[in-house]
Amino acid sequence: MTKLRRLLGDREPPVEVKPGHRFCRRRRDNVTEMATVVELRAEINGIPHVRFELAYEERSIGRVHAGLRVLALGSFVETFAERVL
């Protein structure tokens, strides 16, 4: 049984999320938010969370690093639905 499977119980995530995976979200203002997964862990109440490095990309300014963020796994997958291969 994988660590993520233990965190989720019987629920299957719609997208596989592992450390090192990159995901993106394209905003209306032509800025792309890039999320690089650092770790998955269950918080005190047992809800799985994703810790990730966030960066903003835009053609005229390049890449701007925004630091570490944490979201519940469900919120992360809803926000960053597109995996970058």
Protein backbone atom coordinates (compact mmCIF):
# COMPACT_ATOMS: atom_id res chain seq x y z
CA MET A 1 0.00 0.00 0.00
CA THR A 2 1.48 3.35 -1.01
CA LYS A 3 1.77 6.26 1.37
CA LEU A 4 -0.73 8.30 -0.68
CA ARG A 5 -3.19 5.40 -0.64
CA ARG A 6 -2.95 5.24 3.16
CA LEU A 7 -3.62 8.99 3.34
CA LEU A 8 -6.65 8.78 1.07
CA GLY A 9 -8.17 5.57 2.39
CA ASP A 10 -10.49 4.14 -0.28
CA ARG A 11 -10.72 7.35 -2.30
CA GLU A 12 -8.78 7.60 -5.56
CA PRO A 13 -7.29 10.96 -6.54
CA PRO A 14 -8.37 12.05 -10.06
CA VAL A 15 -4.68 12.71 -10.87
CA GLU A 16 -1.56 11.01 -9.54
CA VAL A 17 0.31 13.43 -7.27
CA LYS A 18 3.87 12.59 -6.19
CA PRO A 19 6.89 14.58 -5.02
CA GLY A 20 8.67 16.04 -8.03
CA HIS A 21 5.54 16.19 -10.20
CA ARG A 22 4.77 19.57 -11.76
CA PHE A 23 1.31 21.00 -12.34
CA CYS A 24 0.10 24.25 -13.84
CA ARG A 25 -2.88 26.56 -13.90
CA ARG A 26 -3.34 29.18 -16.60
CA ARG A 27 -4.96 32.37 -15.40
CA ARG A 28 -7.04 34.83 -17.43
CA ASP A 29 -4.27 37.44 -17.27
CA ASN A 30 -1.90 35.15 -19.24
CA VAL A 31 0.11 34.27 -16.14
CA THR A 32 0.77 30.58 -15.58
CA GLU A 33 1.06 29.30 -12.03
CA MET A 34 3.51 26.39 -11.78
CA ALA A 35 3.37 24.08 -8.76
CA THR A 36 6.15 21.58 -8.05
CA VAL A 37 5.16 18.99 -5.43
CA VAL A 38 7.60 18.79 -2.51
CA GLU A 39 5.78 16.31 -0.25
CA LEU A 40 2.45 14.70 0.63
CA ARG A 41 1.43 14.29 4.23
CA ALA A 42 -1.58 13.92 6.48
CA GLU A 43 -2.19 16.81 8.85
CA ILE A 44 -3.17 16.27 12.49
CA ASN A 45 -6.82 15.68 11.55
CA GLY A 46 -5.85 13.08 8.90
CA ILE A 47 -6.63 15.20 5.83
CA PRO A 48 -3.96 14.69 3.13
CA HIS A 49 -2.10 17.87 2.17
CA VAL A 50 0.31 18.77 -0.61
CA ARG A 51 3.33 20.96 0.12
CA PHE A 52 4.54 22.60 -3.10
CA GLU A 53 6.83 25.25 -4.54
CA LEU A 54 4.87 27.92 -6.45
CA ALA A 55 6.19 30.01 -9.33
CA TYR A 56 4.52 32.46 -11.70
CA GLU A 57 5.45 32.51 -15.38
CA GLU A 58 4.63 35.21 -17.89
CA ARG A 59 6.27 35.85 -21.25
CA SER A 60 7.33 39.46 -20.59
CA ILE A 61 8.66 38.95 -17.03
CA GLY A 62 9.84 35.33 -17.09
CA ARG A 63 9.58 33.22 -13.93
CA VAL A 64 8.99 34.60 -10.44
CA HIS A 65 9.36 32.22 -7.49
CA ALA A 66 6.62 32.64 -4.89
CA GLY A 67 7.85 30.19 -2.23
CA LEU A 68 6.33 27.19 -0.50
CA ARG A 69 2.58 26.71 -0.17
CA VAL A 70 0.31 24.02 1.32
CA LEU A 71 -3.14 22.95 0.13
CA ALA A 72 -5.41 20.03 0.98
CA LEU A 73 -4.98 17.35 -1.70
CA GLY A 74 -8.52 17.84 -3.03
CA SER A 75 -8.05 21.61 -3.35
CA PHE A 76 -4.64 21.15 -4.97
CA VAL A 77 -6.03 18.78 -7.63
CA GLU A 78 -8.96 21.12 -8.35
CA THR A 79 -6.66 24.14 -8.63
CA PHE A 80 -3.77 22.53 -10.51
CA ALA A 81 -5.58 20.00 -12.72
CA GLU A 82 -3.02 20.00 -15.56
CA ARG A 83 0.14 17.94 -15.03
CA VAL A 84 3.26 19.14 -16.84
CA LEU A 85 5.33 16.26 -18.19
